[in-house]
C-alpha atoms as a PDB file:
ATOM      1  CA  MET A   1       0.000   0.000   0.000  1.00  0.00           C
ATOM      2  CA  LYS A   2       1.293   3.433  -0.921  1.00  0.00           C
ATOM      3  CA  ASN A   3       2.269   5.597   2.052  1.00  0.00           C
ATOM      4  CA  ILE A   4       0.335   8.870   2.282  1.00  0.00           C
ATOM      5  CA  HIS A   5       1.256   9.898   5.829  1.00  0.00           C
ATOM      6  CA  LEU A   6       4.398  11.503   7.192  1.00  0.00           C
ATOM      7  CA  HIS A   7       5.351  10.214  10.636  1.00  0.00           C
ATOM      8  CA  PHE A   8       6.298  12.855  13.209  1.00  0.00           C
ATOM      9  CA  ASN A   9       8.769  11.846  15.916  1.00  0.00           C
ATOM     10  CA  THR A  10       7.377  13.421  19.082  1.00  0.00           C
ATOM     11  CA  SER A  11      10.432  12.545  21.198  1.00  0.00           C
ATOM     12  CA  ILE A  12      12.446  14.891  18.951  1.00  0.00           C
ATOM     13  CA  GLY A  13       9.619  17.390  18.568  1.00  0.00           C
ATOM     14  CA  VAL A  14       9.410  18.176  22.289  1.00  0.00           C
ATOM     15  CA  LYS A  15      13.079  19.279  22.210  1.00  0.00           C
ATOM     16  CA  LYS A  16      12.615  21.862  19.477  1.00  0.00           C
ATOM     17  CA  PRO A  17      13.127  25.489  20.565  1.00  0.00           C
ATOM     18  CA  GLU A  18      10.178  27.846  20.067  1.00  0.00           C
ATOM     19  CA  ASN A  19      10.512  31.619  20.038  1.00  0.00           C
ATOM     20  CA  ILE A  20       7.656  32.822  17.859  1.00  0.00           C
ATOM     21  CA  ARG A  21       5.543  33.094  21.014  1.00  0.00           C
ATOM     22  CA  ASN A  22       8.183  32.536  23.713  1.00  0.00           C
ATOM     23  CA  LYS A  23      10.248  35.697  23.293  1.00  0.00           C
ATOM     24  CA  MET A  24      12.543  34.667  26.154  1.00  0.00           C
ATOM     25  CA  GLN A  25      13.843  31.708  24.133  1.00  0.00           C
ATOM     26  CA  PRO A  26      17.217  32.563  22.505  1.00  0.00           C
ATOM     27  CA  CYS A  27      17.316  32.327  18.738  1.00  0.00           C
ATOM     28  CA  PRO A  28      19.426  29.331  17.635  1.00  0.00           C
ATOM     29  CA  PHE A  29      19.959  30.808  14.157  1.00  0.00           C
ATOM     30  CA  CYS A  30      21.544  33.987  15.542  1.00  0.00           C
ATOM     31  CA  GLU A  31      24.322  31.943  17.185  1.00  0.00           C
ATOM     32  CA  ARG A  32      25.997  31.361  13.852  1.00  0.00           C
ATOM     33  CA  ASP A  33      29.279  30.151  15.332  1.00  0.00           C
ATOM     34  CA  GLN A  34      27.339  27.345  17.046  1.00  0.00           C
ATOM     35  CA  LEU A  35      25.694  26.022  13.869  1.00  0.00           C
ATOM     36  CA  VAL A  36      26.728  22.523  12.764  1.00  0.00           C
ATOM     37  CA  ASP A  37      26.191  20.274   9.742  1.00  0.00           C
ATOM     38  CA  ILE A  38      26.433  23.237   7.373  1.00  0.00           C
ATOM     39  CA  ILE A  39      25.898  22.281   3.736  1.00  0.00           C
ATOM     40  CA  ASP A  40      26.502  25.589   1.948  1.00  0.00           C
ATOM     41  CA  VAL A  41      27.032  29.265   2.740  1.00  0.00           C
ATOM     42  CA  GLU A  42      26.634  32.326   0.557  1.00  0.00           C
ATOM     43  CA  GLY A  43      27.150  35.538   2.488  1.00  0.00           C
ATOM     44  CA  PRO A  44      24.493  35.716   5.230  1.00  0.00           C
ATOM     45  CA  ILE A  45      22.562  32.775   3.687  1.00  0.00           C
ATOM     46  CA  ILE A  46      23.190  29.343   5.225  1.00  0.00           C
ATOM     47  CA  LEU A  47      21.854  25.897   4.316  1.00  0.00           C
ATOM     48  CA  LEU A  48      22.325  23.207   6.981  1.00  0.00           C
ATOM     49  CA  LYS A  49      20.889  19.913   8.129  1.00  0.00           C
ATOM     50  CA  ASN A  50      17.957  20.300  10.493  1.00  0.00           C
ATOM     51  CA  LYS A  51      19.128  19.736  14.070  1.00  0.00           C
ATOM     52  CA  PHE A  52      15.651  18.424  14.960  1.00  0.00           C
ATOM     53  CA  PRO A  53      14.624  16.012  12.170  1.00  0.00           C
ATOM     54  CA  VAL A  54      11.106  15.326  13.406  1.00  0.00           C
ATOM     55  CA  LEU A  55       9.903  13.803  10.118  1.00  0.00           C
ATOM     56  CA  GLU A  56      10.729  10.130   9.710  1.00  0.00           C
ATOM     57  CA  ASN A  57      11.930   8.712   6.412  1.00  0.00           C
ATOM     58  CA  ALA A  58      12.901  12.199   5.246  1.00  0.00           C
ATOM     59  CA  TYR A  59      16.051  14.291   4.809  1.00  0.00           C
ATOM     60  CA  GLN A  60      15.469  17.681   6.428  1.00  0.00           C
ATOM     61  CA  THR A  61      17.404  20.878   5.802  1.00  0.00           C
ATOM     62  CA  VAL A  62      16.943  24.457   6.997  1.00  0.00           C
ATOM     63  CA  LEU A  63      17.796  27.506   4.918  1.00  0.00           C
ATOM     64  CA  ILE A  64      18.593  30.547   7.074  1.00  0.00           C
ATOM     65  CA  GLU A  65      17.688  33.522   4.898  1.00  0.00           C
ATOM     66  CA  THR A  66      19.635  36.302   6.596  1.00  0.00           C
ATOM     67  CA  ASP A  67      21.714  37.196   9.645  1.00  0.00           C
ATOM     68  CA  ASP A  68      19.066  39.756  10.702  1.00  0.00           C
ATOM     69  CA  CYS A  69      16.701  38.056  13.133  1.00  0.00           C
ATOM     70  CA  HIS A  70      14.088  40.801  12.770  1.00  0.00           C
ATOM     71  CA  ALA A  71      14.080  40.962   8.974  1.00  0.00           C
ATOM     72  CA  GLU A  72      11.144  39.824   6.868  1.00  0.00           C
ATOM     73  CA  LEU A  73      10.944  38.686   3.256  1.00  0.00           C
ATOM     74  CA  SER A  74       8.837  41.619   2.064  1.00  0.00           C
ATOM     75  CA  SER A  75      11.455  44.116   3.268  1.00  0.00           C
ATOM     76  CA  TYR A  76      14.608  42.495   1.828  1.00  0.00           C
ATOM     77  CA  ASP A  77      16.534  44.659  -0.592  1.00  0.00           C
ATOM     78  CA  LEU A  78      16.185  43.280  -4.098  1.00  0.00           C
ATOM     79  CA  PRO A  79      19.808  42.104  -4.570  1.00  0.00           C
ATOM     80  CA  HIS A  80      19.549  39.992  -1.399  1.00  0.00           C
ATOM     81  CA  LEU A  81      16.096  38.688  -2.326  1.00  0.00           C
ATOM     82  CA  HIS A  82      17.253  37.570  -5.780  1.00  0.00           C
ATOM     83  CA  ARG A  83      20.433  36.037  -4.353  1.00  0.00           C
ATOM     84  CA  LEU A  84      18.367  34.152  -1.755  1.00  0.00           C
ATOM     85  CA  LEU A  85      15.907  32.810  -4.309  1.00  0.00           C
ATOM     86  CA  GLN A  86      18.641  31.697  -6.707  1.00  0.00           C
ATOM     87  CA  PHE A  87      20.472  29.945  -3.866  1.00  0.00           C
ATOM     88  CA  ALA A  88      17.309  28.261  -2.566  1.00  0.00           C
ATOM     89  CA  LEU A  89      15.965  27.221  -5.960  1.00  0.00           C
ATOM     90  CA  ARG A  90      19.347  25.750  -6.935  1.00  0.00           C
ATOM     91  CA  HIS A  91      19.547  23.546  -3.840  1.00  0.00           C
ATOM     92  CA  TRP A  92      15.902  22.513  -4.162  1.00  0.00           C
ATOM     93  CA  HIS A  93      16.489  21.530  -7.781  1.00  0.00           C
ATOM     94  CA  ASP A  94      19.688  19.635  -6.950  1.00  0.00           C
ATOM     95  CA  MET A  95      17.884  17.582  -4.294  1.00  0.00           C
ATOM     96  CA  ASP A  96      14.929  17.024  -6.607  1.00  0.00           C
ATOM     97  CA  VAL A  97      16.988  15.522  -9.435  1.00  0.00           C
ATOM     98  CA  ASN A  98      19.523  13.464  -7.482  1.00  0.00           C
ATOM     99  CA  GLY A  99      17.280  10.372  -7.446  1.00  0.00           C
ATOM    100  CA  ASN A 100      17.278   9.861  -3.670  1.00  0.00           C
ATOM    101  CA  TYR A 101      13.716  11.001  -3.012  1.00  0.00           C
ATOM    102  CA  GLN A 102      10.182  10.447  -4.241  1.00  0.00           C
ATOM    103  CA  SER A 103       9.756  14.222  -4.044  1.00  0.00           C
ATOM    104  CA  VAL A 104      11.292  17.287  -2.411  1.00  0.00           C
ATOM    105  CA  ILE A 105       9.178  19.898  -0.641  1.00  0.00           C
ATOM    106  CA  PHE A 106      10.321  23.487  -0.229  1.00  0.00           C
ATOM    107  CA  TYR A 107       8.363  25.893   1.944  1.00  0.00           C
ATOM    108  CA  LYS A 108       8.447  28.782   4.408  1.00  0.00           C
ATOM    109  CA  ASN A 109       6.521  29.504   7.603  1.00  0.00           C
ATOM    110  CA  HIS A 110       6.069  33.030   8.957  1.00  0.00           C
ATOM    111  CA  GLY A 111       4.126  34.066  12.026  1.00  0.00           C
ATOM    112  CA  PRO A 112       2.343  32.408  14.953  1.00  0.00           C
ATOM    113  CA  LEU A 113      -0.397  30.796  12.825  1.00  0.00           C
ATOM    114  CA  SER A 114       1.967  29.395  10.190  1.00  0.00           C
ATOM    115  CA  GLY A 115       2.944  26.188  11.989  1.00  0.00           C
ATOM    116  CA  GLY A 116       6.512  27.379  12.540  1.00  0.00           C
ATOM    117  CA  THR A 117       8.470  27.566  15.778  1.00  0.00           C
ATOM    118  CA  ILE A 118      11.442  29.881  15.066  1.00  0.00           C
ATOM    119  CA  ALA A 119      10.892  33.564  14.269  1.00  0.00           C
ATOM    120  CA  HIS A 120      14.243  34.098  12.531  1.00  0.00           C
ATOM    121  CA  PRO A 121      13.567  34.153   8.748  1.00  0.00           C
ATOM    122  CA  HIS A 122      14.157  30.710   7.306  1.00  0.00           C
ATOM    123  CA  MET A 123      12.840  28.154   4.824  1.00  0.00           C
ATOM    124  CA  GLN A 124      12.933  24.363   4.739  1.00  0.00           C
ATOM    125  CA  ILE A 125      13.879  21.963   1.956  1.00  0.00           C
ATOM    126  CA  ILE A 126      12.923  18.364   2.740  1.00  0.00           C
ATOM    127  CA  GLY A 127      13.494  15.227   0.708  1.00  0.00           C
ATOM    128  CA  LEU A 128      10.693  12.666   1.133  1.00  0.00           C
ATOM    129  CA  HIS A 129      11.801   9.073   0.601  1.00  0.00           C
ATOM    130  CA  ASP A 130       8.392   7.468   0.081  1.00  0.00           C
ATOM    131  CA  ILE A 131       5.839  10.234  -0.598  1.00  0.00           C
ATOM    132  CA  ASN A 132       5.306  12.092  -3.865  1.00  0.00           C
ATOM    133  CA  TYR A 133       3.589  15.348  -2.943  1.00  0.00           C
ATOM    134  CA  LYS A 134       2.621  15.966  -6.583  1.00  0.00           C
ATOM    135  CA  GLU A 135       0.047  13.175  -6.341  1.00  0.00           C
ATOM    136  CA  ASN A 136      -1.910  15.413  -3.950  1.00  0.00           C
ATOM    137  CA  ILE A 137      -1.843  18.451  -6.254  1.00  0.00           C
ATOM    138  CA  ASP A 138      -4.266  19.195  -9.089  1.00  0.00           C
ATOM    139  CA  GLU A 139      -3.683  21.750 -11.840  1.00  0.00           C
ATOM    140  CA  GLU A 140      -6.822  23.637 -10.859  1.00  0.00           C
ATOM    141  CA  VAL A 141      -5.352  24.864  -7.551  1.00  0.00           C
ATOM    142  CA  PHE A 142      -2.995  27.077  -9.586  1.00  0.00           C
ATOM    143  CA  GLU A 143      -5.759  28.542 -11.741  1.00  0.00           C
ATOM    144  CA  GLY A 144      -7.033  31.981 -10.871  1.00  0.00           C
ATOM    145  CA  ILE A 145      -7.816  35.589 -11.653  1.00  0.00           C
ATOM    146  CA  LEU A 146      -4.855  37.317 -13.256  1.00  0.00           C
ATOM    147  CA  ILE A 147      -3.269  40.090 -11.214  1.00  0.00           C
ATOM    148  CA  GLU A 148      -0.153  40.725 -13.305  1.00  0.00           C
ATOM    149  CA  GLU A 149       1.700  39.055 -16.154  1.00  0.00           C
ATOM    150  CA  LYS A 150       5.119  40.426 -16.996  1.00  0.00           C
ATOM    151  CA  ASP A 151       8.560  39.153 -18.045  1.00  0.00           C
ATOM    152  CA  GLY A 152       7.362  35.543 -18.213  1.00  0.00           C
ATOM    153  CA  VAL A 153       5.892  35.619 -14.681  1.00  0.00           C
ATOM    154  CA  HIS A 154       2.189  34.932 -14.074  1.00  0.00           C
ATOM    155  CA  PHE A 155       0.665  36.229 -10.809  1.00  0.00           C
ATOM    156  CA  SER A 156      -2.896  35.250  -9.882  1.00  0.00           C
ATOM    157  CA  LEU A 157      -5.401  34.734  -7.078  1.00  0.00           C
ATOM    158  CA  SER A 158      -6.804  31.184  -6.923  1.00  0.00           C
ATOM    159  CA  THR A 159     -10.417  30.577  -7.916  1.00  0.00           C
ATOM    160  CA  LYS A 160     -10.213  26.944  -6.770  1.00  0.00           C
ATOM    161  CA  PRO A 161      -7.934  27.101  -3.700  1.00  0.00           C
ATOM    162  CA  LYS A 162      -6.575  23.895  -2.223  1.00  0.00           C
ATOM    163  CA  VAL A 163      -7.563  24.640   1.394  1.00  0.00           C
ATOM    164  CA  GLY A 164      -9.803  27.645   1.059  1.00  0.00           C
ATOM    165  CA  PHE A 165     -10.305  31.368   0.870  1.00  0.00           C
ATOM    166  CA  TYR A 166      -7.213  33.227  -0.384  1.00  0.00           C
ATOM    167  CA  GLU A 167      -4.259  31.590  -2.150  1.00  0.00           C
ATOM    168  CA  PHE A 168      -1.913  33.529  -4.412  1.00  0.00           C
ATOM    169  CA  ASN A 169       0.033  31.875  -7.236  1.00  0.00           C
ATOM    170  CA  ILE A 170       3.255  33.185  -8.769  1.00  0.00           C
ATOM    171  CA  GLU A 171       4.696  31.073 -11.564  1.00  0.00           C
ATOM    172  CA  MET A 172       7.600  31.205 -13.978  1.00  0.00           C
ATOM    173  CA  PRO A 173       8.948  28.797 -16.603  1.00  0.00           C
ATOM    174  CA  ASP A 174      12.505  28.758 -15.179  1.00  0.00           C
ATOM    175  CA  THR A 175      14.895  30.695 -12.945  1.00  0.00           C
ATOM    176  CA  HIS A 176      15.815  33.193 -15.688  1.00  0.00           C
ATOM    177  CA  TYR A 177      12.723  35.105 -14.548  1.00  0.00           C
ATOM    178  CA  VAL A 178      13.539  35.061 -10.844  1.00  0.00           C
ATOM    179  CA  GLU A 179      13.865  38.839 -10.479  1.00  0.00           C
ATOM    180  CA  THR A 180      10.263  39.569 -11.515  1.00  0.00           C
ATOM    181  CA  PHE A 181       9.165  36.427  -9.646  1.00  0.00           C
ATOM    182  CA  GLY A 182      10.799  37.754  -6.469  1.00  0.00           C
ATOM    183  CA  ILE A 183       9.306  41.233  -6.825  1.00  0.00           C
ATOM    184  CA  ASN A 184       5.801  39.776  -7.072  1.00  0.00           C
ATOM    185  CA  LEU A 185       6.534  37.527  -4.112  1.00  0.00           C
ATOM    186  CA  GLN A 186       7.507  40.554  -2.031  1.00  0.00           C
ATOM    187  CA  LYS A 187       4.390  42.446  -3.073  1.00  0.00           C
ATOM    188  CA  VAL A 188       1.964  39.723  -2.105  1.00  0.00           C
ATOM    189  CA  VAL A 189       3.679  39.081   1.250  1.00  0.00           C
ATOM    190  CA  HIS A 190       3.651  42.812   1.978  1.00  0.00           C
ATOM    191  CA  TYR A 191      -0.044  42.942   1.057  1.00  0.00           C
ATOM    192  CA  ILE A 192      -0.841  40.071   3.425  1.00  0.00           C
ATOM    193  CA  LEU A 193       1.039  41.586   6.365  1.00  0.00           C
ATOM    194  CA  HIS A 194       0.178  45.258   5.849  1.00  0.00           C
ATOM    195  CA  ASN A 195      -2.839  45.788   3.586  1.00  0.00           C
ATOM    196  CA  PHE A 196      -4.974  42.667   3.896  1.00  0.00           C
ATOM    197  CA  PRO A 197      -8.682  43.391   4.552  1.00  0.00           C
ATOM    198  CA  PHE A 198      -8.504  41.119   7.609  1.00  0.00           C
ATOM    199  CA  LYS A 199      -5.704  41.468  10.158  1.00  0.00           C
ATOM    200  CA  ALA A 200      -3.001  38.965   9.225  1.00  0.00           C
ATOM    201  CA  ASN A 201       0.377  38.265  10.806  1.00  0.00           C
ATOM    202  CA  SER A 202       1.129  34.832   9.361  1.00  0.00           C
ATOM    203  CA  TYR A 203       1.587  33.180   5.996  1.00  0.00           C
ATOM    204  CA  ASN A 204       2.995  30.089   4.327  1.00  0.00           C
ATOM    205  CA  LEU A 205       4.965  29.986   1.114  1.00  0.00           C
ATOM    206  CA  PHE A 206       4.923  26.689  -0.800  1.00  0.00           C
ATOM    207  CA  PHE A 207       7.093  26.049  -3.860  1.00  0.00           C
ATOM    208  CA  HIS A 208       6.081  23.558  -6.531  1.00  0.00           C
ATOM    209  CA  HIS A 209       7.702  22.009  -9.580  1.00  0.00           C
ATOM    210  CA  TYR A 210       4.625  21.430 -11.704  1.00  0.00           C
ATOM    211  CA  ASP A 211       4.202  20.881 -15.433  1.00  0.00           C
ATOM    212  CA  ARG A 212       7.658  22.306 -16.223  1.00  0.00           C
ATOM    213  CA  ARG A 213       6.936  25.432 -14.192  1.00  0.00           C
ATOM    214  CA  ILE A 214       8.139  26.775 -10.876  1.00  0.00           C
ATOM    215  CA  ILE A 215       5.158  27.941  -8.838  1.00  0.00           C
ATOM    216  CA  ALA A 216       5.041  29.665  -5.466  1.00  0.00           C
ATOM    217  CA  LYS A 217       1.717  29.478  -3.636  1.00  0.00           C
ATOM    218  CA  VAL A 218       1.415  32.118  -0.922  1.00  0.00           C
ATOM    219  CA  VAL A 219      -1.267  31.497   1.691  1.00  0.00           C
ATOM    220  CA  PRO A 220      -2.244  33.965   4.443  1.00  0.00           C
ATOM    221  CA  ARG A 221      -2.855  31.932   7.583  1.00  0.00           C
ATOM    222  CA  PHE A 222      -5.747  32.199   9.982  1.00  0.00           C
ATOM    223  CA  ILE A 223      -7.505  29.554  12.068  1.00  0.00           C
ATOM    224  CA  THR A 224      -8.210  26.824   9.512  1.00  0.00           C
ATOM    225  CA  THR A 225     -11.886  26.496   8.606  1.00  0.00           C
ATOM    226  CA  PRO A 226     -13.604  23.519  10.306  1.00  0.00           C
ATOM    227  CA  LEU A 227     -15.236  22.552   7.015  1.00  0.00           C
ATOM    228  CA  TYR A 228     -11.802  21.782   5.624  1.00  0.00           C
ATOM    229  CA  ILE A 229     -10.534  20.133   8.810  1.00  0.00           C
ATOM    230  CA  GLY A 230     -13.588  17.936   9.171  1.00  0.00           C
ATOM    231  CA  TYR A 231     -14.670  17.294   5.602  1.00  0.00           C
ATOM    232  CA  GLY A 232     -11.868  18.412   3.287  1.00  0.00           C
ATOM    233  CA  ILE A 233     -14.158  21.016   1.673  1.00  0.00           C
ATOM    234  CA  PRO A 234     -12.360  24.197   0.537  1.00  0.00           C
ATOM    235  CA  GLN A 235     -14.297  27.461   0.506  1.00  0.00           C
ATOM    236  CA  VAL A 236     -14.092  30.254  -2.078  1.00  0.00           C
ATOM    237  CA  PRO A 237     -14.820  33.806  -0.844  1.00  0.00           C
ATOM    238  CA  SER A 238     -17.108  36.189  -2.700  1.00  0.00           C
ATOM    239  CA  ASN A 239     -14.633  39.085  -2.912  1.00  0.00           C
ATOM    240  CA  LEU A 240     -11.873  37.615  -5.113  1.00  0.00           C
ATOM    241  CA  HIS A 241     -12.339  40.180  -7.872  1.00  0.00           C
ATOM    242  CA  TRP A 242     -12.344  42.997  -5.330  1.00  0.00           C
ATOM    243  CA  MET A 243      -9.055  41.727  -3.884  1.00  0.00           C
ATOM    244  CA  VAL A 244      -7.437  41.482  -7.313  1.00  0.00           C
ATOM    245  CA  ASP A 245      -8.409  45.105  -8.012  1.00  0.00           C
ATOM    246  CA  ASP A 246      -7.181  46.157  -4.569  1.00  0.00           C
ATOM    247  CA  ILE A 247      -3.741  44.612  -5.158  1.00  0.00           C
ATOM    248  CA  LYS A 248      -3.518  46.123  -8.637  1.00  0.00           C
ATOM    249  CA  ASN A 249      -4.361  49.580  -7.287  1.00  0.00           C
ATOM    250  CA  LYS A 250      -1.921  49.342  -4.387  1.00  0.00           C
ATOM    251  CA  TYR A 251       1.040  47.678  -6.099  1.00  0.00           C
ATOM    252  CA  PHE A 252       0.755  47.865  -9.881  1.00  0.00           C
ATOM    253  CA  THR A 253      -0.794  51.250 -10.640  1.00  0.00           C
ATOM    254  CA  GLU A 254       1.623  54.086 -11.217  1.00  0.00           C
ATOM    255  CA  LYS A 255       0.972  56.888  -8.742  1.00  0.00           C
END
């Protein structure tokens, strides 16, 4: 029988530090001279093996985005943002094609409702030995109302979201378009944290290799709807077109 569940090792999980809510907990990523199992370094960007590999039958890495604990993706200067994305996408691709994994997931948590534990900006790249995440993904979750299309990058708001309500999609054919890709990524994260019609302080960023495209799905996080938790039924809000116009007016209209 095909495995569809990841097993979480709770004996490791209880040892993980948590400082998104517990502000008294020191940040392990700020103590850079104490980091071990480093895989690659490029300036302030570090990729290393996860010290707390809670997922069984998986190879877990952490990508520390910056040496500034209080930074946030939407405020990175563009040279650093593009450098970070190129670095991250290269390592994700290398893991994806090396033949050791069924699939490789690449994602980011931000904020207390994101499922993360460490506030310092970071991402995770995880090789799954016996689960292919693409079997759980349908093309329709990337379909949506166009917000902007420029320089080979397509930016939209999902009309058939995977979980429900608001999911933004940014896609490009390859990494040659990463600069425009990154600019759109910054804009949507900034919108979520600063201009969203409902107060939001958390989001997830999920990267996908799908149909020869690189797609980032950005999801503002709130308490997950019980209809999805209990029945797997996503919900689509009635104000999608309003939100598309709001983003266009705030971020794509020349003042």
